[in-house]
N, C-alpha and C. Protein backbone atom coordinates (compact mmCIF):
# COMPACT_ATOMS: atom_id res chain seq x y z
N MET A 1 -93.81 -62.47 -7.71
CA MET A 1 -93.92 -60.92 -7.22
C MET A 1 -94.88 -59.80 -7.14
N THR A 2 -95.47 -59.21 -5.87
CA THR A 2 -96.37 -58.10 -6.27
C THR A 2 -95.66 -57.39 -5.86
N VAL A 3 -96.13 -55.97 -7.01
CA VAL A 3 -94.93 -54.77 -6.99
C VAL A 3 -96.32 -53.76 -6.04
N VAL A 4 -96.08 -53.41 -5.59
CA VAL A 4 -96.58 -52.64 -4.29
C VAL A 4 -95.79 -50.90 -4.63
N HIS A 5 -97.15 -50.22 -4.66
CA HIS A 5 -96.55 -49.40 -4.64
C HIS A 5 -96.85 -48.23 -4.11
N THR A 6 -96.39 -46.74 -3.14
CA THR A 6 -96.28 -46.53 -2.35
C THR A 6 -95.31 -45.19 -2.81
N ASP A 7 -95.69 -44.52 -1.54
CA ASP A 7 -96.01 -42.52 -1.83
C ASP A 7 -93.86 -42.28 -1.38
N ASN A 8 -93.79 -43.28 -0.06
CA ASN A 8 -92.72 -43.30 0.55
C ASN A 8 -92.36 -44.41 1.56
N LEU A 9 -90.73 -44.81 1.57
CA LEU A 9 -90.22 -46.10 2.40
C LEU A 9 -89.64 -46.00 3.24
N ILE A 10 -89.98 -46.11 4.04
CA ILE A 10 -89.22 -46.10 5.85
C ILE A 10 -88.47 -47.10 5.84
N ILE A 11 -87.31 -46.83 6.42
CA ILE A 11 -86.41 -47.59 7.13
C ILE A 11 -86.06 -47.65 8.32
N GLY A 12 -86.28 -48.17 9.19
CA GLY A 12 -86.25 -48.47 10.31
C GLY A 12 -87.44 -47.77 11.45
N ALA A 13 -87.63 -48.82 12.18
CA ALA A 13 -88.97 -48.72 12.84
C ALA A 13 -88.85 -48.13 13.95
N GLY A 14 -87.42 -47.89 14.18
CA GLY A 14 -87.68 -47.15 15.82
C GLY A 14 -87.69 -46.07 15.98
N LEU A 15 -87.70 -44.41 17.46
CA LEU A 15 -89.08 -43.27 17.56
C LEU A 15 -88.95 -42.88 16.06
N VAL A 16 -87.32 -42.46 14.87
CA VAL A 16 -87.56 -41.02 14.13
C VAL A 16 -88.28 -42.79 12.94
N GLY A 17 -88.59 -43.59 12.78
CA GLY A 17 -89.18 -43.83 11.91
C GLY A 17 -91.07 -44.47 12.02
N SER A 18 -91.04 -44.85 12.59
CA SER A 18 -92.31 -44.54 13.43
C SER A 18 -93.05 -43.73 13.54
N LEU A 19 -92.26 -41.98 13.82
CA LEU A 19 -92.83 -40.92 14.18
C LEU A 19 -93.43 -40.81 12.83
N THR A 20 -92.03 -40.84 11.95
CA THR A 20 -92.35 -40.55 10.49
C THR A 20 -93.11 -40.63 9.74
N ALA A 21 -93.72 -42.46 9.70
CA ALA A 21 -94.31 -42.83 9.33
C ALA A 21 -95.43 -42.13 9.88
N ARG A 22 -96.21 -42.51 11.68
CA ARG A 22 -97.33 -42.17 11.76
C ARG A 22 -96.96 -39.95 10.89
N THR A 23 -97.09 -39.50 10.89
CA THR A 23 -96.72 -38.19 10.01
C THR A 23 -97.57 -38.29 8.91
N LEU A 24 -96.50 -38.95 7.83
CA LEU A 24 -97.74 -38.59 6.93
C LEU A 24 -98.47 -39.75 6.59
N ALA A 25 -98.60 -40.00 7.33
CA ALA A 25 -100.29 -40.92 7.80
C ALA A 25 -101.19 -39.38 7.29
N GLN A 26 -101.17 -38.93 8.52
CA GLN A 26 -101.57 -38.05 9.41
C GLN A 26 -101.75 -36.46 8.06
N LYS A 27 -100.95 -37.01 6.93
CA LYS A 27 -100.63 -36.12 5.87
C LYS A 27 -101.15 -36.79 4.75
N GLY A 28 -101.62 -37.94 4.69
CA GLY A 28 -102.48 -38.17 3.66
C GLY A 28 -101.57 -38.98 2.66
N GLN A 29 -100.33 -39.98 3.09
CA GLN A 29 -99.09 -40.32 2.51
C GLN A 29 -99.19 -41.65 2.85
N SER A 30 -99.65 -42.54 1.57
CA SER A 30 -98.74 -44.58 2.00
C SER A 30 -97.01 -44.01 2.38
N GLY A 31 -97.45 -44.85 2.72
CA GLY A 31 -95.61 -45.50 3.42
C GLY A 31 -95.37 -46.91 3.30
N ILE A 32 -94.19 -47.93 2.94
CA ILE A 32 -93.96 -48.83 4.15
C ILE A 32 -92.99 -48.50 5.13
N LEU A 33 -93.10 -49.25 6.02
CA LEU A 33 -92.20 -48.37 7.00
C LEU A 33 -91.35 -50.24 6.91
N LEU A 34 -90.32 -50.89 6.45
CA LEU A 34 -89.02 -51.79 6.85
C LEU A 34 -88.52 -51.65 8.06
N GLU A 35 -88.67 -53.18 9.17
CA GLU A 35 -87.42 -53.15 10.13
C GLU A 35 -86.99 -54.67 10.43
N ARG A 36 -85.45 -54.67 10.92
CA ARG A 36 -84.82 -55.59 10.51
C ARG A 36 -85.04 -56.64 11.73
N SER A 37 -85.63 -56.09 12.36
CA SER A 37 -85.61 -56.68 14.07
C SER A 37 -87.54 -57.44 13.66
N ALA A 38 -87.56 -58.29 14.60
CA ALA A 38 -88.83 -58.73 14.48
C ALA A 38 -89.62 -57.12 16.33
N ASP A 39 -89.19 -56.79 16.31
CA ASP A 39 -89.69 -55.40 17.16
C ASP A 39 -90.07 -54.34 16.10
N ALA A 40 -90.84 -53.46 16.77
CA ALA A 40 -90.84 -51.96 16.26
C ALA A 40 -90.01 -51.72 17.93
N GLY A 41 -89.30 -50.26 17.58
CA GLY A 41 -88.79 -49.89 18.63
C GLY A 41 -87.27 -49.61 18.94
N GLY A 42 -87.11 -49.83 17.42
CA GLY A 42 -84.68 -49.40 17.56
C GLY A 42 -84.64 -49.74 18.88
N VAL A 43 -83.77 -48.61 19.49
CA VAL A 43 -82.91 -48.27 20.98
C VAL A 43 -83.60 -48.83 21.93
N ASN A 44 -85.13 -48.69 21.57
CA ASN A 44 -86.06 -48.52 22.44
C ASN A 44 -86.73 -49.81 22.95
N GLY A 45 -86.76 -50.14 24.33
CA GLY A 45 -87.34 -51.74 23.95
C GLY A 45 -87.82 -52.29 25.81
N SER A 46 -88.43 -53.56 25.99
CA SER A 46 -87.90 -54.55 26.58
C SER A 46 -88.28 -56.25 26.44
N PHE A 47 -87.48 -56.35 27.24
CA PHE A 47 -87.53 -57.93 26.87
C PHE A 47 -87.59 -58.43 28.38
N LYS A 48 -88.71 -60.08 28.69
CA LYS A 48 -88.52 -60.95 29.73
C LYS A 48 -88.23 -61.78 29.93
N ASP A 49 -87.16 -61.74 30.91
CA ASP A 49 -86.40 -63.03 31.28
C ASP A 49 -86.73 -64.45 31.32
N SER A 50 -86.34 -65.53 31.35
CA SER A 50 -85.93 -66.64 32.19
C SER A 50 -87.23 -67.10 33.13
N ARG A 51 -87.39 -66.44 33.91
CA ARG A 51 -88.40 -66.01 35.25
C ARG A 51 -88.74 -65.73 35.03
N GLY A 52 -89.25 -64.18 34.23
CA GLY A 52 -90.27 -63.72 33.86
C GLY A 52 -90.40 -62.64 34.04
N ASN A 53 -89.53 -61.31 34.58
CA ASN A 53 -89.14 -60.28 35.19
C ASN A 53 -88.76 -59.44 33.91
N TRP A 54 -89.50 -58.53 33.45
CA TRP A 54 -89.45 -57.82 32.07
C TRP A 54 -87.83 -56.07 32.68
N PHE A 55 -87.26 -56.31 31.94
CA PHE A 55 -86.67 -55.22 31.30
C PHE A 55 -86.77 -54.04 30.63
N ASP A 56 -86.54 -52.76 30.89
CA ASP A 56 -86.12 -51.72 29.54
C ASP A 56 -85.42 -51.08 29.81
N TYR A 57 -84.99 -51.63 27.69
CA TYR A 57 -83.80 -50.82 27.77
C TYR A 57 -83.54 -49.25 27.01
N GLY A 58 -82.52 -49.00 26.62
CA GLY A 58 -82.71 -47.63 25.79
C GLY A 58 -82.90 -46.67 25.92
N ARG A 59 -83.41 -45.24 25.63
CA ARG A 59 -83.61 -44.85 25.63
C ARG A 59 -85.12 -43.61 25.53
N HIS A 60 -85.25 -44.07 27.52
CA HIS A 60 -86.93 -43.76 27.74
C HIS A 60 -86.78 -41.75 28.20
N VAL A 61 -85.84 -41.25 28.14
CA VAL A 61 -86.66 -39.85 28.02
C VAL A 61 -85.85 -39.23 27.13
N ILE A 62 -87.01 -37.95 27.21
CA ILE A 62 -86.88 -37.31 25.06
C ILE A 62 -86.05 -35.59 25.98
N HIS A 63 -85.17 -35.37 25.83
CA HIS A 63 -84.58 -33.78 26.00
C HIS A 63 -85.58 -32.80 25.23
N PHE A 64 -86.71 -32.19 25.91
CA PHE A 64 -87.32 -31.65 25.34
C PHE A 64 -86.91 -30.22 24.39
N ASP A 65 -85.79 -30.05 25.29
CA ASP A 65 -85.19 -28.12 24.48
C ASP A 65 -84.61 -29.36 23.48
N ARG A 66 -83.61 -29.98 22.60
CA ARG A 66 -83.33 -30.42 21.37
C ARG A 66 -83.67 -30.33 19.94
N SER A 67 -85.15 -30.73 20.09
CA SER A 67 -85.73 -30.48 19.26
C SER A 67 -86.99 -30.18 19.58
N VAL A 68 -87.88 -29.33 18.84
CA VAL A 68 -88.63 -29.05 19.43
C VAL A 68 -90.15 -30.25 18.36
N PHE A 69 -89.67 -29.88 16.79
CA PHE A 69 -89.96 -31.50 16.07
C PHE A 69 -91.04 -32.26 17.04
N THR A 70 -89.32 -32.58 17.52
CA THR A 70 -89.76 -35.02 18.43
C THR A 70 -90.76 -33.96 19.66
N ARG A 71 -90.36 -33.18 19.87
CA ARG A 71 -91.08 -32.67 20.92
C ARG A 71 -92.77 -32.59 20.88
N ASP A 72 -92.79 -32.35 20.10
CA ASP A 72 -94.09 -31.62 18.96
C ASP A 72 -94.50 -33.67 19.33
N ILE A 73 -94.71 -33.63 18.44
CA ILE A 73 -94.78 -35.36 18.27
C ILE A 73 -95.39 -36.07 18.84
N VAL A 74 -94.36 -36.26 20.53
CA VAL A 74 -94.27 -37.49 21.17
C VAL A 74 -95.38 -36.47 22.06
N LEU A 75 -95.27 -35.07 22.29
CA LEU A 75 -96.42 -34.44 23.30
C LEU A 75 -97.62 -35.02 22.15
N ASP A 76 -97.73 -34.93 21.29
CA ASP A 76 -99.77 -35.60 20.23
C ASP A 76 -100.24 -36.32 20.95
N VAL A 77 -98.62 -37.66 20.30
CA VAL A 77 -99.16 -39.57 20.77
C VAL A 77 -99.38 -39.27 22.37
N LEU A 78 -98.86 -39.10 22.97
CA LEU A 78 -99.48 -39.13 23.98
C LEU A 78 -100.64 -38.29 25.01
N LYS A 79 -100.59 -37.58 24.52
CA LYS A 79 -101.99 -36.75 24.14
C LYS A 79 -102.06 -35.69 25.44
N GLY A 80 -100.11 -34.94 25.26
CA GLY A 80 -99.94 -34.24 26.73
C GLY A 80 -99.27 -35.04 28.13
N GLN A 81 -99.31 -36.63 28.11
CA GLN A 81 -99.64 -36.64 29.65
C GLN A 81 -98.50 -36.95 30.13
N VAL A 82 -97.50 -36.62 29.60
CA VAL A 82 -95.92 -36.28 30.46
C VAL A 82 -95.81 -35.95 31.34
N HIS A 83 -93.93 -36.02 32.15
CA HIS A 83 -93.53 -35.57 33.60
C HIS A 83 -92.15 -35.10 32.68
N ARG A 84 -92.30 -34.10 33.29
CA ARG A 84 -91.19 -33.26 32.90
C ARG A 84 -90.32 -32.95 34.66
N PHE A 85 -88.70 -33.42 34.20
CA PHE A 85 -87.68 -33.04 34.95
C PHE A 85 -86.51 -32.49 35.13
N ASN A 86 -86.62 -31.84 35.62
CA ASN A 86 -85.60 -30.80 35.67
C ASN A 86 -83.85 -31.72 36.16
N LEU A 87 -83.10 -32.28 35.52
CA LEU A 87 -81.90 -33.43 35.79
C LEU A 87 -80.48 -32.57 35.47
N GLU A 88 -80.35 -32.52 35.89
CA GLU A 88 -78.30 -31.97 35.68
C GLU A 88 -77.69 -32.92 35.05
N ARG A 89 -78.00 -34.40 36.24
CA ARG A 89 -77.69 -35.61 35.82
C ARG A 89 -77.83 -36.81 36.31
N SER A 90 -78.06 -38.28 34.88
CA SER A 90 -78.70 -38.96 36.01
C SER A 90 -78.37 -39.89 35.52
N ILE A 91 -78.36 -41.31 35.69
CA ILE A 91 -78.99 -42.37 34.79
C ILE A 91 -80.66 -42.93 34.72
N VAL A 92 -80.68 -42.76 33.78
CA VAL A 92 -82.18 -43.29 33.38
C VAL A 92 -82.31 -44.93 32.85
């Protein structure tokens, strides 16, 4: 058994876990990111059906007025290349 020493253990490679790992790395912290699924992304992801069609699922819209922290990280990751829509009600 190998013993690993790290500054942080992050459980879940969804949006929050992935952003947390990235932020800690930018601050010089080491970490281990654990994910139970085969792919990262949490409730956001894609899959291909038996016919080769791709489907996206999950929360693909971030409400910019709810979390300044999340908004700023997403804008940084996407280098500001986002589209903002004023939606009163929709299915996304």
